[in-house]
Amino acid sequence: MKYGVSWAFILLLIFSLVMPVWADIQKAEITTVKYEGVGENASITIEGLINSDQTGIGYLEAFITFEGKDYKTQAVEIESRIPEQNYRYSFRLDDFRYIDHQKNQVEILSIFQPGQTIIVYLYEEKITDGENLTVDAQNELNQRGYALRGILAKKTFKLP
C-alpha cells in the first residue's frame, strides 16, 4: 500500500508537469485597438484577454491595405500562463511590411493615413512544417515560412 501511494504521487507529479503542454486557449478577445504617436513614431496598440486551462499560446498579427498592397506584421507569440490573462502589444509603423516573393521585394509601410482600416487577428496555431496541409496552408508556408490557422479573435479598426 505504501508503494502504491508513492507511485500514485509520482504519476500525479509527472502528469501535472506535462499537462500544460496539452493545454490550449479556450477563449480570446481583442478588446482595444488604438492609434498612438505621430509620423514615424506612430504605433498601433492592441489589448486583449486570453482564457485558458493553464497555459496557452496565441499568435497576434495585424495587416493594413495601402495602395492595393497588403502590409502585414510578423506573427507575435502571446503566451498565457494563468487562467485569465490580459495582454498588450504595440506594432510600430515599420513593423508593417509588404513582401513580394516573385520580385524578391520588401516594402515597409511609409505612413498611417486617416481612414485606413487595420485588421488584427489572434490565431491559435502557427504551422512551420508538416505533411497533409491544405493548399492554402502550404502556399502560406512557402511564402512566409509559416502558416497561421484557427482564428481566436478578430478586430477591425479605422485610423482616425
C-alpha atoms as a PDB file:
ATOM      1  CA  MET A   1       0.000   0.000   0.000  1.00  0.00           C
ATOM      2  CA  LYS A   2       2.856   2.342   0.874  1.00  0.00           C
ATOM      3  CA  TYR A   3       4.462   1.829  -2.565  1.00  0.00           C
ATOM      4  CA  GLY A   4       1.104   2.288  -4.330  1.00  0.00           C
ATOM      5  CA  VAL A   5       0.666   5.743  -2.771  1.00  0.00           C
ATOM      6  CA  SER A   6       4.245   6.669  -3.731  1.00  0.00           C
ATOM      7  CA  TRP A   7       3.695   5.614  -7.353  1.00  0.00           C
ATOM      8  CA  ALA A   8       0.381   7.446  -7.481  1.00  0.00           C
ATOM      9  CA  PHE A   9       2.101  10.608  -6.218  1.00  0.00           C
ATOM     10  CA  ILE A  10       4.897  10.262  -8.800  1.00  0.00           C
ATOM     11  CA  LEU A  11       2.385   9.766 -11.635  1.00  0.00           C
ATOM     12  CA  LEU A  12       0.368  12.762 -10.436  1.00  0.00           C
ATOM     13  CA  LEU A  13       3.531  14.893 -10.355  1.00  0.00           C
ATOM     14  CA  ILE A  14       4.558  13.832 -13.865  1.00  0.00           C
ATOM     15  CA  PHE A  15       1.037  14.460 -15.195  1.00  0.00           C
ATOM     16  CA  SER A  16       0.901  17.935 -13.641  1.00  0.00           C
ATOM     17  CA  LEU A  17       4.247  18.871 -15.222  1.00  0.00           C
ATOM     18  CA  VAL A  18       3.284  17.567 -18.659  1.00  0.00           C
ATOM     19  CA  MET A  19      -0.310  18.845 -18.723  1.00  0.00           C
ATOM     20  CA  PRO A  20       0.462  22.489 -19.621  1.00  0.00           C
ATOM     21  CA  VAL A  21       1.908  21.303 -22.933  1.00  0.00           C
ATOM     22  CA  TRP A  22      -1.529  19.977 -23.905  1.00  0.00           C
ATOM     23  CA  ALA A  23      -3.499  22.968 -22.611  1.00  0.00           C
ATOM     24  CA  ASP A  24      -4.970  25.387 -25.113  1.00  0.00           C
ATOM     25  CA  ILE A  25      -6.625  28.758 -25.173  1.00  0.00           C
ATOM     26  CA  GLN A  26     -10.375  28.351 -24.673  1.00  0.00           C
ATOM     27  CA  LYS A  27     -11.381  31.932 -25.407  1.00  0.00           C
ATOM     28  CA  ALA A  28      -9.585  35.036 -26.597  1.00  0.00           C
ATOM     29  CA  GLU A  29     -10.659  38.586 -27.125  1.00  0.00           C
ATOM     30  CA  ILE A  30      -9.145  41.683 -28.680  1.00  0.00           C
ATOM     31  CA  THR A  31     -10.690  44.416 -26.557  1.00  0.00           C
ATOM     32  CA  THR A  32      -8.946  47.555 -27.822  1.00  0.00           C
ATOM     33  CA  VAL A  33      -7.029  48.716 -30.869  1.00  0.00           C
ATOM     34  CA  LYS A  34      -5.570  52.234 -30.561  1.00  0.00           C
ATOM     35  CA  TYR A  35      -3.542  54.552 -32.730  1.00  0.00           C
ATOM     36  CA  GLU A  36      -0.765  56.306 -30.795  1.00  0.00           C
ATOM     37  CA  GLY A  37       2.009  58.721 -31.709  1.00  0.00           C
ATOM     38  CA  VAL A  38       2.717  60.814 -34.782  1.00  0.00           C
ATOM     39  CA  GLY A  39       4.598  60.288 -38.053  1.00  0.00           C
ATOM     40  CA  GLU A  40       7.436  57.764 -37.905  1.00  0.00           C
ATOM     41  CA  ASN A  41       6.840  57.252 -34.173  1.00  0.00           C
ATOM     42  CA  ALA A  42       3.240  56.133 -34.702  1.00  0.00           C
ATOM     43  CA  SER A  43       2.123  52.735 -33.480  1.00  0.00           C
ATOM     44  CA  ILE A  44      -0.935  50.544 -33.197  1.00  0.00           C
ATOM     45  CA  THR A  45      -1.509  49.210 -29.677  1.00  0.00           C
ATOM     46  CA  ILE A  46      -3.600  46.091 -29.181  1.00  0.00           C
ATOM     47  CA  GLU A  47      -5.039  44.985 -25.856  1.00  0.00           C
ATOM     48  CA  GLY A  48      -6.974  41.860 -25.086  1.00  0.00           C
ATOM     49  CA  LEU A  49      -7.791  38.966 -22.824  1.00  0.00           C
ATOM     50  CA  ILE A  50      -6.978  35.253 -23.004  1.00  0.00           C
ATOM     51  CA  ASN A  51      -8.787  32.496 -21.096  1.00  0.00           C
ATOM     52  CA  SER A  52      -7.049  29.121 -20.914  1.00  0.00           C
ATOM     53  CA  ASP A  53      -6.978  25.978 -18.773  1.00  0.00           C
ATOM     54  CA  GLN A  54      -3.438  26.549 -17.567  1.00  0.00           C
ATOM     55  CA  THR A  55      -1.218  27.812 -20.338  1.00  0.00           C
ATOM     56  CA  GLY A  56      -1.746  28.601 -23.955  1.00  0.00           C
ATOM     57  CA  ILE A  57      -0.113  30.395 -26.851  1.00  0.00           C
ATOM     58  CA  GLY A  58      -1.765  32.600 -29.435  1.00  0.00           C
ATOM     59  CA  TYR A  59      -0.225  34.398 -32.407  1.00  0.00           C
ATOM     60  CA  LEU A  60      -1.049  38.069 -32.937  1.00  0.00           C
ATOM     61  CA  GLU A  61      -0.887  39.586 -36.417  1.00  0.00           C
ATOM     62  CA  ALA A  62      -2.128  42.826 -37.976  1.00  0.00           C
ATOM     63  CA  PHE A  63      -2.450  43.958 -41.555  1.00  0.00           C
ATOM     64  CA  ILE A  64      -3.348  47.100 -43.446  1.00  0.00           C
ATOM     65  CA  THR A  65      -4.007  47.634 -47.152  1.00  0.00           C
ATOM     66  CA  PHE A  66      -2.198  50.609 -48.691  1.00  0.00           C
ATOM     67  CA  GLU A  67      -2.205  51.410 -52.406  1.00  0.00           C
ATOM     68  CA  GLY A  68      -3.617  47.963 -53.214  1.00  0.00           C
ATOM     69  CA  LYS A  69      -0.950  46.040 -51.264  1.00  0.00           C
ATOM     70  CA  ASP A  70      -1.394  44.129 -48.001  1.00  0.00           C
ATOM     71  CA  TYR A  71       1.221  45.157 -45.435  1.00  0.00           C
ATOM     72  CA  LYS A  72       1.444  42.537 -42.668  1.00  0.00           C
ATOM     73  CA  THR A  73       3.295  42.259 -39.393  1.00  0.00           C
ATOM     74  CA  GLN A  74       5.229  39.196 -38.320  1.00  0.00           C
ATOM     75  CA  ALA A  75       3.181  36.951 -36.049  1.00  0.00           C
ATOM     76  CA  VAL A  76       3.933  37.714 -32.403  1.00  0.00           C
ATOM     77  CA  GLU A  77       3.611  34.995 -29.777  1.00  0.00           C
ATOM     78  CA  ILE A  78       1.225  35.889 -26.953  1.00  0.00           C
ATOM     79  CA  GLU A  79       1.510  33.455 -24.064  1.00  0.00           C
ATOM     80  CA  SER A  80      -0.956  32.863 -21.262  1.00  0.00           C
ATOM     81  CA  ARG A  81       0.299  31.253 -18.059  1.00  0.00           C
ATOM     82  CA  ILE A  82      -2.775  31.779 -15.908  1.00  0.00           C
ATOM     83  CA  PRO A  83      -6.479  31.013 -16.484  1.00  0.00           C
ATOM     84  CA  GLU A  84      -7.341  34.650 -17.311  1.00  0.00           C
ATOM     85  CA  GLN A  85      -4.618  36.936 -18.577  1.00  0.00           C
ATOM     86  CA  ASN A  86      -4.581  40.378 -20.163  1.00  0.00           C
ATOM     87  CA  TYR A  87      -2.130  41.174 -22.928  1.00  0.00           C
ATOM     88  CA  ARG A  88      -0.907  44.337 -24.624  1.00  0.00           C
ATOM     89  CA  TYR A  89       1.299  44.673 -27.681  1.00  0.00           C
ATOM     90  CA  SER A  90       2.271  47.563 -29.959  1.00  0.00           C
ATOM     91  CA  PHE A  91       3.197  47.360 -33.630  1.00  0.00           C
ATOM     92  CA  ARG A  92       5.257  50.264 -34.931  1.00  0.00           C
ATOM     93  CA  LEU A  93       4.902  51.703 -38.416  1.00  0.00           C
ATOM     94  CA  ASP A  94       7.993  49.854 -39.668  1.00  0.00           C
ATOM     95  CA  ASP A  95       6.590  46.505 -38.459  1.00  0.00           C
ATOM     96  CA  PHE A  96       4.116  46.541 -41.371  1.00  0.00           C
ATOM     97  CA  ARG A  97       5.739  45.052 -44.476  1.00  0.00           C
ATOM     98  CA  TYR A  98       4.656  44.098 -47.962  1.00  0.00           C
ATOM     99  CA  ILE A  99       6.613  41.114 -49.272  1.00  0.00           C
ATOM    100  CA  ASP A 100       6.575  40.111 -52.942  1.00  0.00           C
ATOM    101  CA  HIS A 101       8.450  36.818 -53.265  1.00  0.00           C
ATOM    102  CA  GLN A 102       8.187  36.724 -57.052  1.00  0.00           C
ATOM    103  CA  LYS A 103      10.017  40.048 -57.383  1.00  0.00           C
ATOM    104  CA  ASN A 104      12.135  39.423 -54.277  1.00  0.00           C
ATOM    105  CA  GLN A 105      10.925  42.750 -52.908  1.00  0.00           C
ATOM    106  CA  VAL A 106      10.185  44.009 -49.385  1.00  0.00           C
ATOM    107  CA  GLU A 107       8.480  47.341 -48.740  1.00  0.00           C
ATOM    108  CA  ILE A 108       7.961  48.950 -45.339  1.00  0.00           C
ATOM    109  CA  LEU A 109       4.750  50.906 -44.793  1.00  0.00           C
ATOM    110  CA  SER A 110       5.650  54.589 -45.061  1.00  0.00           C
ATOM    111  CA  ILE A 111       2.734  56.229 -43.261  1.00  0.00           C
ATOM    112  CA  PHE A 112      -0.504  55.552 -41.434  1.00  0.00           C
ATOM    113  CA  GLN A 113      -3.242  57.553 -43.160  1.00  0.00           C
ATOM    114  CA  PRO A 114      -6.557  58.650 -41.647  1.00  0.00           C
ATOM    115  CA  GLY A 115      -9.380  56.382 -42.750  1.00  0.00           C
ATOM    116  CA  GLN A 116      -7.187  53.320 -43.347  1.00  0.00           C
ATOM    117  CA  THR A 117      -8.525  50.089 -41.885  1.00  0.00           C
ATOM    118  CA  ILE A 118      -6.327  47.838 -39.776  1.00  0.00           C
ATOM    119  CA  ILE A 119      -7.415  44.257 -39.152  1.00  0.00           C
ATOM    120  CA  VAL A 120      -5.956  42.424 -36.164  1.00  0.00           C
ATOM    121  CA  TYR A 121      -6.125  38.650 -35.695  1.00  0.00           C
ATOM    122  CA  LEU A 122      -5.205  36.350 -32.839  1.00  0.00           C
ATOM    123  CA  TYR A 123      -4.604  32.810 -34.148  1.00  0.00           C
ATOM    124  CA  GLU A 124      -4.362  29.575 -32.190  1.00  0.00           C
ATOM    125  CA  GLU A 125      -1.789  27.746 -34.324  1.00  0.00           C
ATOM    126  CA  LYS A 126       1.441  28.541 -36.147  1.00  0.00           C
ATOM    127  CA  ILE A 127       2.479  25.805 -38.602  1.00  0.00           C
ATOM    128  CA  THR A 128       6.162  25.778 -39.551  1.00  0.00           C
ATOM    129  CA  ASP A 129       6.284  22.422 -41.339  1.00  0.00           C
ATOM    130  CA  GLY A 130       4.179  19.379 -41.893  1.00  0.00           C
ATOM    131  CA  GLU A 131       2.550  16.946 -44.225  1.00  0.00           C
ATOM    132  CA  ASN A 132      -1.047  16.726 -45.413  1.00  0.00           C
ATOM    133  CA  LEU A 133      -1.529  20.507 -45.348  1.00  0.00           C
ATOM    134  CA  THR A 134      -4.251  22.239 -47.317  1.00  0.00           C
ATOM    135  CA  VAL A 135      -3.166  24.030 -50.488  1.00  0.00           C
ATOM    136  CA  ASP A 136      -3.709  27.413 -48.796  1.00  0.00           C
ATOM    137  CA  ALA A 137      -1.625  26.446 -45.768  1.00  0.00           C
ATOM    138  CA  GLN A 138       1.151  25.051 -47.985  1.00  0.00           C
ATOM    139  CA  ASN A 139       1.200  28.249 -50.098  1.00  0.00           C
ATOM    140  CA  GLU A 140       1.364  30.418 -46.987  1.00  0.00           C
ATOM    141  CA  LEU A 141       4.112  28.216 -45.564  1.00  0.00           C
ATOM    142  CA  ASN A 142       6.099  28.580 -48.803  1.00  0.00           C
ATOM    143  CA  GLN A 143       5.655  32.361 -48.884  1.00  0.00           C
ATOM    144  CA  ARG A 144       6.167  33.289 -45.243  1.00  0.00           C
ATOM    145  CA  GLY A 145       7.903  30.326 -43.664  1.00  0.00           C
ATOM    146  CA  TYR A 146       4.852  29.668 -41.500  1.00  0.00           C
ATOM    147  CA  ALA A 147       1.075  29.448 -41.764  1.00  0.00           C
ATOM    148  CA  LEU A 148      -1.383  30.744 -39.177  1.00  0.00           C
ATOM    149  CA  ARG A 149      -4.601  28.830 -38.539  1.00  0.00           C
ATOM    150  CA  GLY A 150      -7.563  28.886 -36.156  1.00  0.00           C
ATOM    151  CA  ILE A 151      -8.829  32.438 -35.629  1.00  0.00           C
ATOM    152  CA  LEU A 152      -9.410  33.003 -31.910  1.00  0.00           C
ATOM    153  CA  ALA A 153     -10.247  36.711 -32.183  1.00  0.00           C
ATOM    154  CA  LYS A 154     -10.527  39.420 -34.815  1.00  0.00           C
ATOM    155  CA  LYS A 155     -10.931  43.179 -34.565  1.00  0.00           C
ATOM    156  CA  THR A 156     -11.168  45.869 -37.222  1.00  0.00           C
ATOM    157  CA  PHE A 157     -10.037  49.437 -36.538  1.00  0.00           C
ATOM    158  CA  LYS A 158     -10.293  52.523 -38.725  1.00  0.00           C
ATOM    159  CA  LEU A 159      -7.499  55.068 -38.235  1.00  0.00           C
ATOM    160  CA  PRO A 160      -8.771  58.466 -37.024  1.00  0.00           C
END
